[in-house]
Amino acid sequence: MSEKLKLYRKHILLVLVIIIGILLAWYLIAMVFNPMRRPTPLIRLHVLWRTPIGMDMEDVIEIIENRRRWGDPVINRSNGFMHPTHFVEGPDGRPSAAFVGDKSIQTRIGIYHMMPFHERNVRIFWGFDEDGKLIEVYVRSTFSPRLV
């Protein structure tokens, strides 16, 4: 192999390493500065830090409305939210998803572009008891292809 070809391959490899390094740095910086880009359990911890268990429903609504990037809250004062990992026995004897709480709030906190053709939709559900005290927080994070 000629020296020019070896040098050319080294340059190509160097350029690829730099591009991958820049993309990785961008991804890590985005995770540090926006906690909602983190894994779902860490998002839940962040939300619980802002809205701890036992907080009043009206205070949670105020926090949601003051977050400019979060969507408008959907407030349900007559039903909890359906939690996909909590189950009860259904009428046919098979497990079905259980409702959490007597009241609930849900909101979309954002759609985040994780990679060039991939996005993440993050929604948060808060469940409250009959007195309007927070009893559960559930974070649903879905991934989907992003059509350009």
N, C-alpha and C. Protein backbone atom coordinates (compact mmCIF):
# COMPACT_ATOMS: atom_id res chain seq x y z
N MET A 1 0.85 -1.17 0.00
CA MET A 1 0.00 0.00 0.00
C MET A 1 0.90 1.24 0.00
N SER A 2 0.52 2.22 -0.76
CA SER A 2 1.36 3.41 -0.88
C SER A 2 1.23 4.28 0.38
N GLU A 3 2.23 5.11 0.58
CA GLU A 3 2.24 6.00 1.75
C GLU A 3 1.08 7.00 1.68
N LYS A 4 0.74 7.46 0.48
CA LYS A 4 -0.37 8.41 0.34
C LYS A 4 -1.69 7.77 0.77
N LEU A 5 -1.91 6.53 0.41
CA LEU A 5 -3.13 5.83 0.79
C LEU A 5 -3.20 5.62 2.30
N LYS A 6 -2.09 5.27 2.92
CA LYS A 6 -2.05 5.10 4.38
C LYS A 6 -2.34 6.42 5.08
N LEU A 7 -1.75 7.48 4.59
CA LEU A 7 -1.98 8.81 5.17
C LEU A 7 -3.44 9.22 4.99
N TYR A 8 -4.00 8.94 3.83
CA TYR A 8 -5.41 9.26 3.55
C TYR A 8 -6.32 8.51 4.52
N ARG A 9 -6.07 7.23 4.73
CA ARG A 9 -6.88 6.43 5.66
C ARG A 9 -6.77 6.96 7.09
N LYS A 10 -5.59 7.37 7.48
CA LYS A 10 -5.41 7.94 8.82
C LYS A 10 -6.22 9.22 8.98
N HIS A 11 -6.22 10.05 7.95
CA HIS A 11 -6.99 11.29 7.99
C HIS A 11 -8.49 11.01 8.08
N ILE A 12 -8.96 10.06 7.30
CA ILE A 12 -10.38 9.68 7.33
C ILE A 12 -10.75 9.16 8.72
N LEU A 13 -9.91 8.30 9.28
CA LEU A 13 -10.16 7.76 10.61
C LEU A 13 -10.18 8.87 11.65
N LEU A 14 -9.26 9.82 11.55
CA LEU A 14 -9.21 10.95 12.48
C LEU A 14 -10.49 11.79 12.38
N VAL A 15 -10.94 12.06 11.18
CA VAL A 15 -12.17 12.84 10.98
C VAL A 15 -13.37 12.10 11.58
N LEU A 16 -13.46 10.80 11.37
CA LEU A 16 -14.56 10.02 11.94
C LEU A 16 -14.53 10.03 13.47
N VAL A 17 -13.36 9.89 14.05
CA VAL A 17 -13.24 9.93 15.51
C VAL A 17 -13.66 11.29 16.05
N ILE A 18 -13.27 12.36 15.38
CA ILE A 18 -13.66 13.71 15.81
C ILE A 18 -15.17 13.88 15.72
N ILE A 19 -15.78 13.43 14.63
CA ILE A 19 -17.24 13.56 14.47
C ILE A 19 -17.96 12.77 15.55
N ILE A 20 -17.55 11.55 15.81
CA ILE A 20 -18.18 10.73 16.85
C ILE A 20 -17.98 11.38 18.22
N GLY A 21 -16.80 11.93 18.46
CA GLY A 21 -16.54 12.62 19.73
C GLY A 21 -17.43 13.82 19.92
N ILE A 22 -17.64 14.60 18.87
CA ILE A 22 -18.52 15.77 18.95
C ILE A 22 -19.96 15.35 19.23
N LEU A 23 -20.44 14.31 18.53
CA LEU A 23 -21.81 13.84 18.76
C LEU A 23 -21.98 13.31 20.18
N LEU A 24 -21.02 12.57 20.68
CA LEU A 24 -21.08 12.05 22.04
C LEU A 24 -21.05 13.18 23.06
N ALA A 25 -20.19 14.18 22.84
CA ALA A 25 -20.13 15.33 23.75
C ALA A 25 -21.47 16.08 23.75
N TRP A 26 -22.05 16.27 22.56
CA TRP A 26 -23.35 16.96 22.46
C TRP A 26 -24.41 16.21 23.27
N TYR A 27 -24.45 14.90 23.13
CA TYR A 27 -25.43 14.08 23.84
C TYR A 27 -25.23 14.18 25.35
N LEU A 28 -23.99 14.08 25.81
CA LEU A 28 -23.72 14.14 27.25
C LEU A 28 -24.02 15.52 27.82
N ILE A 29 -23.68 16.57 27.10
CA ILE A 29 -23.99 17.92 27.56
C ILE A 29 -25.49 18.13 27.64
N ALA A 30 -26.23 17.62 26.66
CA ALA A 30 -27.70 17.74 26.69
C ALA A 30 -28.27 17.02 27.90
N MET A 31 -27.72 15.88 28.26
CA MET A 31 -28.20 15.14 29.44
C MET A 31 -27.90 15.90 30.73
N VAL A 32 -26.75 16.55 30.81
CA VAL A 32 -26.38 17.28 32.02
C VAL A 32 -27.26 18.50 32.22
N PHE A 33 -27.49 19.25 31.14
CA PHE A 33 -28.22 20.50 31.27
C PHE A 33 -29.74 20.36 31.20
N ASN A 34 -30.24 19.23 30.77
CA ASN A 34 -31.68 19.01 30.74
C ASN A 34 -31.97 17.66 31.40
N PRO A 35 -32.42 17.68 32.66
CA PRO A 35 -32.66 16.41 33.37
C PRO A 35 -33.74 15.55 32.73
N MET A 36 -34.57 16.11 31.87
CA MET A 36 -35.63 15.33 31.25
C MET A 36 -35.12 14.46 30.10
N ARG A 37 -33.84 14.58 29.76
CA ARG A 37 -33.24 13.70 28.75
C ARG A 37 -32.60 12.47 29.38
N ARG A 38 -32.63 12.40 30.69
CA ARG A 38 -32.01 11.29 31.41
C ARG A 38 -32.91 10.06 31.36
N PRO A 39 -32.42 8.92 31.85
CA PRO A 39 -33.26 7.71 31.90
C PRO A 39 -34.51 7.94 32.76
N THR A 40 -35.56 7.20 32.46
CA THR A 40 -36.86 7.39 33.12
C THR A 40 -36.80 7.38 34.64
N PRO A 41 -36.08 6.45 35.31
CA PRO A 41 -36.03 6.50 36.78
C PRO A 41 -35.42 7.79 37.31
N LEU A 42 -34.45 8.35 36.59
CA LEU A 42 -33.85 9.61 37.04
C LEU A 42 -34.80 10.79 36.81
N ILE A 43 -35.60 10.72 35.75
CA ILE A 43 -36.61 11.76 35.52
C ILE A 43 -37.62 11.72 36.67
N ARG A 44 -38.03 10.53 37.06
CA ARG A 44 -38.98 10.38 38.17
C ARG A 44 -38.40 10.98 39.46
N LEU A 45 -37.13 10.71 39.73
CA LEU A 45 -36.50 11.29 40.93
C LEU A 45 -36.48 12.81 40.86
N HIS A 46 -36.20 13.35 39.68
CA HIS A 46 -36.21 14.81 39.52
C HIS A 46 -37.60 15.38 39.76
N VAL A 47 -38.62 14.72 39.23
CA VAL A 47 -39.99 15.19 39.42
C VAL A 47 -40.39 15.09 40.89
N LEU A 48 -40.01 13.99 41.55
CA LEU A 48 -40.30 13.84 42.98
C LEU A 48 -39.57 14.89 43.82
N TRP A 49 -38.41 15.31 43.37
CA TRP A 49 -37.69 16.37 44.08
C TRP A 49 -38.48 17.68 44.01
N ARG A 50 -39.10 17.94 42.84
CA ARG A 50 -39.90 19.16 42.68
C ARG A 50 -41.30 19.04 43.27
N THR A 51 -41.87 17.83 43.20
CA THR A 51 -43.23 17.60 43.69
C THR A 51 -43.21 16.38 44.61
N PRO A 52 -42.79 16.54 45.86
CA PRO A 52 -42.65 15.38 46.75
C PRO A 52 -44.00 14.76 47.14
N ILE A 53 -43.94 13.48 47.49
CA ILE A 53 -45.13 12.76 47.96
C ILE A 53 -45.71 13.53 49.15
N GLY A 54 -47.04 13.67 49.15
CA GLY A 54 -47.73 14.42 50.20
C GLY A 54 -48.04 15.85 49.83
N MET A 55 -47.51 16.33 48.71
CA MET A 55 -47.76 17.70 48.27
C MET A 55 -49.22 17.85 47.86
N ASP A 56 -49.77 19.02 48.08
CA ASP A 56 -51.16 19.31 47.74
C ASP A 56 -51.33 19.43 46.22
N MET A 57 -52.47 18.99 45.73
CA MET A 57 -52.76 18.98 44.30
C MET A 57 -52.64 20.39 43.70
N GLU A 58 -53.14 21.39 44.39
CA GLU A 58 -53.10 22.76 43.87
C GLU A 58 -51.66 23.26 43.74
N ASP A 59 -50.79 22.84 44.66
CA ASP A 59 -49.38 23.22 44.57
C ASP A 59 -48.71 22.56 43.36
N VAL A 60 -49.06 21.31 43.09
CA VAL A 60 -48.51 20.62 41.93
C VAL A 60 -48.98 21.32 40.64
N ILE A 61 -50.25 21.69 40.59
CA ILE A 61 -50.77 22.41 39.41
C ILE A 61 -50.00 23.71 39.20
N GLU A 62 -49.74 24.43 40.28
CA GLU A 62 -49.00 25.69 40.18
C GLU A 62 -47.58 25.46 39.65
N ILE A 63 -46.92 24.41 40.13
CA ILE A 63 -45.56 24.10 39.65
C ILE A 63 -45.60 23.77 38.17
N ILE A 64 -46.57 22.96 37.74
CA ILE A 64 -46.67 22.59 36.32
C ILE A 64 -46.90 23.83 35.47
N GLU A 65 -47.80 24.70 35.90
CA GLU A 65 -48.13 25.89 35.11
C GLU A 65 -46.96 26.88 35.04
N ASN A 66 -46.06 26.84 36.03
CA ASN A 66 -44.91 27.74 36.03
C ASN A 66 -43.74 27.20 35.22
N ARG A 67 -43.80 25.97 34.80
CA ARG A 67 -42.75 25.38 33.97
C ARG A 67 -43.08 25.73 32.52
N ARG A 68 -42.40 26.67 31.94
CA ARG A 68 -42.76 27.18 30.62
C ARG A 68 -42.64 26.15 29.51
N ARG A 69 -41.78 25.15 29.65
CA ARG A 69 -41.62 24.16 28.58
C ARG A 69 -42.61 23.00 28.70
N TRP A 70 -43.21 22.84 29.86
CA TRP A 70 -44.14 21.73 30.04
C TRP A 70 -45.47 22.08 29.41
N GLY A 71 -46.19 21.07 28.98
CA GLY A 71 -47.51 21.30 28.38
C GLY A 71 -48.54 21.66 29.43
N ASP A 72 -49.71 22.04 28.97
CA ASP A 72 -50.79 22.36 29.90
C ASP A 72 -51.23 21.09 30.62
N PRO A 73 -51.48 21.20 31.93
CA PRO A 73 -51.89 20.01 32.67
C PRO A 73 -53.31 19.57 32.34
N VAL A 74 -53.52 18.26 32.30
CA VAL A 74 -54.86 17.69 32.17
C VAL A 74 -55.24 17.25 33.58
N ILE A 75 -56.21 17.94 34.16
CA ILE A 75 -56.58 17.72 35.56
C ILE A 75 -57.86 16.91 35.62
N ASN A 76 -57.82 15.82 36.37
CA ASN A 76 -58.99 14.96 36.55
C ASN A 76 -59.27 14.87 38.04
N ARG A 77 -60.31 15.55 38.49
CA ARG A 77 -60.62 15.59 39.92
C ARG A 77 -61.55 14.45 40.35
N SER A 78 -61.88 13.55 39.41
CA SER A 78 -62.79 12.45 39.77
C SER A 78 -62.18 11.06 39.61
N ASN A 79 -61.01 10.95 38.95
CA ASN A 79 -60.36 9.64 38.75
C ASN A 79 -58.86 9.77 38.87
N GLY A 80 -58.26 8.67 39.30
CA GLY A 80 -56.81 8.58 39.28
C GLY A 80 -56.34 8.28 37.87
N PHE A 81 -55.06 7.96 37.72
CA PHE A 81 -54.55 7.60 36.41
C PHE A 81 -54.32 6.10 36.35
N MET A 82 -54.36 5.56 35.15
CA MET A 82 -54.16 4.13 34.95
C MET A 82 -52.67 3.84 34.88
N HIS A 83 -52.19 3.08 35.86
CA HIS A 83 -50.76 2.78 35.95
C HIS A 83 -50.49 1.44 35.27
N PRO A 84 -49.64 1.41 34.25
CA PRO A 84 -49.45 0.18 33.48
C PRO A 84 -48.69 -0.93 34.20
N THR A 85 -48.08 -0.63 35.35
CA THR A 85 -47.35 -1.69 36.06
C THR A 85 -48.03 -2.10 37.36
N HIS A 86 -49.16 -1.49 37.70
CA HIS A 86 -49.95 -1.91 38.85
C HIS A 86 -51.18 -2.64 38.32
N PHE A 87 -51.42 -3.83 38.84
CA PHE A 87 -52.51 -4.65 38.30
C PHE A 87 -53.49 -5.06 39.38
N VAL A 88 -54.74 -5.21 38.98
CA VAL A 88 -55.79 -5.77 39.82
C VAL A 88 -56.47 -6.87 39.00
N GLU A 89 -57.23 -7.68 39.67
CA GLU A 89 -57.96 -8.73 38.96
C GLU A 89 -59.17 -8.11 38.28
N GLY A 90 -59.26 -8.34 36.98
CA GLY A 90 -60.36 -7.79 36.20
C GLY A 90 -61.62 -8.62 36.35
N PRO A 91 -62.73 -8.17 35.75
CA PRO A 91 -63.99 -8.90 35.86
C PRO A 91 -63.94 -10.31 35.27
N ASP A 92 -63.04 -10.52 34.31
CA ASP A 92 -62.93 -11.84 33.70
C ASP A 92 -61.87 -12.70 34.39
N GLY A 93 -61.32 -12.21 35.51
CA GLY A 93 -60.34 -12.96 36.26
C GLY A 93 -58.91 -12.73 35.82
N ARG A 94 -58.72 -12.02 34.70
CA ARG A 94 -57.37 -11.72 34.22
C ARG A 94 -56.91 -10.39 34.80
N PRO A 95 -55.58 -10.21 34.90
CA PRO A 95 -55.08 -8.93 35.43
C PRO A 95 -55.37 -7.78 34.48
N SER A 96 -55.70 -6.65 35.05
CA SER A 96 -55.86 -5.44 34.25
C SER A 96 -55.20 -4.28 35.00
N ALA A 97 -54.84 -3.24 34.27
CA ALA A 97 -54.13 -2.11 34.87
C ALA A 97 -55.00 -1.45 35.93
N ALA A 98 -54.36 -1.03 37.01
CA ALA A 98 -55.08 -0.43 38.14
C ALA A 98 -55.02 1.09 38.05
N PHE A 99 -56.05 1.71 38.59
CA PHE A 99 -56.05 3.16 38.73
C PHE A 99 -55.31 3.51 40.01
N VAL A 100 -54.52 4.57 39.95
CA VAL A 100 -53.79 5.05 41.13
C VAL A 100 -54.43 6.34 41.57
N GLY A 101 -54.91 6.35 42.79
CA GLY A 101 -55.47 7.57 43.38
C GLY A 101 -56.92 7.81 43.01
N ASP A 102 -57.45 8.88 43.61
CA ASP A 102 -58.83 9.31 43.38
C ASP A 102 -58.90 10.52 42.45
N LYS A 103 -57.75 11.19 42.29
CA LYS A 103 -57.64 12.35 41.42
C LYS A 103 -56.31 12.23 40.69
N SER A 104 -56.17 12.94 39.59
CA SER A 104 -54.90 12.85 38.86
C SER A 104 -54.64 14.09 38.02
N ILE A 105 -53.38 14.21 37.66
CA ILE A 105 -52.92 15.25 36.73
C ILE A 105 -51.95 14.56 35.77
N GLN A 106 -52.00 14.96 34.53
CA GLN A 106 -50.98 14.50 33.58
C GLN A 106 -50.57 15.67 32.72
N THR A 107 -49.33 15.63 32.27
CA THR A 107 -48.84 16.65 31.35
C THR A 107 -47.69 16.09 30.53
N ARG A 108 -47.53 16.63 29.36
CA ARG A 108 -46.37 16.29 28.55
C ARG A 108 -45.27 17.28 28.90
N ILE A 109 -44.13 16.76 29.30
CA ILE A 109 -43.05 17.67 29.68
C ILE A 109 -42.09 17.92 28.53
N GLY A 110 -42.26 17.21 27.44
CA GLY A 110 -41.44 17.54 26.29
C GLY A 110 -41.27 16.41 25.31
N ILE A 111 -40.88 16.81 24.12
CA ILE A 111 -40.46 15.88 23.08
C ILE A 111 -39.00 16.23 22.84
N TYR A 112 -38.15 15.25 23.07
CA TYR A 112 -36.72 15.48 23.00
C TYR A 112 -36.12 14.67 21.86
N HIS A 113 -35.33 15.33 21.06
CA HIS A 113 -34.68 14.67 19.93
C HIS A 113 -33.37 14.09 20.43
N MET A 114 -33.37 12.77 20.60
CA MET A 114 -32.23 12.10 21.19
C MET A 114 -31.13 11.86 20.16
N MET A 115 -31.51 11.54 18.96
CA MET A 115 -30.57 11.29 17.89
C MET A 115 -31.19 11.88 16.63
N PRO A 116 -30.46 11.97 15.55
CA PRO A 116 -30.99 12.67 14.38
C PRO A 116 -32.36 12.19 13.90
N PHE A 117 -32.65 10.90 13.98
CA PHE A 117 -33.92 10.41 13.46
C PHE A 117 -34.73 9.70 14.54
N HIS A 118 -34.63 10.18 15.75
CA HIS A 118 -35.25 9.49 16.88
C HIS A 118 -35.69 10.53 17.90
N GLU A 119 -36.91 10.40 18.40
CA GLU A 119 -37.35 11.36 19.41
C GLU A 119 -37.96 10.63 20.60
N ARG A 120 -38.00 11.32 21.73
CA ARG A 120 -38.51 10.77 22.97
C ARG A 120 -39.61 11.69 23.48
N ASN A 121 -40.78 11.12 23.74
CA ASN A 121 -41.92 11.85 24.26
C ASN A 121 -42.06 11.49 25.73
N VAL A 122 -42.00 12.48 26.61
CA VAL A 122 -42.05 12.23 28.05
C VAL A 122 -43.31 12.85 28.63
N ARG A 123 -44.11 12.01 29.32
CA ARG A 123 -45.33 12.44 30.01
C ARG A 123 -45.21 12.05 31.47
N ILE A 124 -45.78 12.90 32.33
CA ILE A 124 -45.78 12.61 33.76
C ILE A 124 -47.23 12.55 34.25
N PHE A 125 -47.48 11.56 35.12
CA PHE A 125 -48.79 11.37 35.73
C PHE A 125 -48.62 11.48 37.24
N TRP A 126 -49.45 12.30 37.87
CA TRP A 126 -49.47 12.42 39.32
C TRP A 126 -50.79 11.86 39.83
N GLY A 127 -50.75 11.02 40.86
CA GLY A 127 -51.96 10.48 41.47
C GLY A 127 -52.14 11.04 42.87
N PHE A 128 -53.37 11.38 43.21
CA PHE A 128 -53.67 12.02 44.50
C PHE A 128 -54.75 11.23 45.23
N ASP A 129 -54.72 11.30 46.56
CA ASP A 129 -55.76 10.64 47.34
C ASP A 129 -57.01 11.53 47.38
N GLU A 130 -58.03 11.10 48.14
CA GLU A 130 -59.29 11.85 48.18
C GLU A 130 -59.12 13.24 48.80
N ASP A 131 -58.05 13.44 49.59
CA ASP A 131 -57.80 14.75 50.21
C ASP A 131 -56.95 15.65 49.32
N GLY A 132 -56.57 15.16 48.14
CA GLY A 132 -55.77 15.96 47.23
C GLY A 132 -54.28 15.95 47.54
N LYS A 133 -53.81 14.94 48.26
CA LYS A 133 -52.39 14.81 48.58
C LYS A 133 -51.73 13.84 47.60
N LEU A 134 -50.56 14.19 47.12
CA LEU A 134 -49.84 13.38 46.15
C LEU A 134 -49.44 12.03 46.75
N ILE A 135 -49.78 10.94 46.03
CA ILE A 135 -49.43 9.60 46.51
C ILE A 135 -48.54 8.84 45.54
N GLU A 136 -48.49 9.24 44.26
CA GLU A 136 -47.69 8.49 43.28
C GLU A 136 -47.36 9.38 42.09
N VAL A 137 -46.18 9.16 41.54
CA VAL A 137 -45.75 9.83 40.31
C VAL A 137 -45.29 8.74 39.35
N TYR A 138 -45.78 8.81 38.13
CA TYR A 138 -45.38 7.85 37.10
C TYR A 138 -44.89 8.62 35.89
N VAL A 139 -43.75 8.23 35.36
CA VAL A 139 -43.18 8.85 34.17
C VAL A 139 -43.28 7.85 33.02
N ARG A 140 -43.91 8.28 31.93
CA ARG A 140 -43.99 7.44 30.74
C ARG A 140 -43.14 8.08 29.65
N SER A 141 -42.20 7.31 29.18
CA SER A 141 -41.29 7.80 28.17
C SER A 141 -41.38 6.86 26.97
N THR A 142 -41.76 7.41 25.82
CA THR A 142 -41.88 6.59 24.62
C THR A 142 -40.90 7.09 23.58
N PHE A 143 -40.40 6.18 22.79
CA PHE A 143 -39.46 6.49 21.72
C PHE A 143 -40.14 6.22 20.39
N SER A 144 -39.85 7.07 19.43
CA SER A 144 -40.43 6.85 18.11
C SER A 144 -39.49 7.42 17.05
N PRO A 145 -39.60 6.90 15.84
CA PRO A 145 -38.78 7.47 14.77
C PRO A 145 -39.27 8.87 14.44
N ARG A 146 -38.37 9.72 14.12
CA ARG A 146 -38.70 11.10 13.76
C ARG A 146 -38.66 11.22 12.25
N LEU A 147 -39.79 11.55 11.68
CA LEU A 147 -39.85 11.69 10.22
C LEU A 147 -39.45 13.11 9.85
N VAL A 148 -38.51 13.20 8.98
CA VAL A 148 -37.99 14.51 8.59
C VAL A 148 -38.79 15.08 7.45
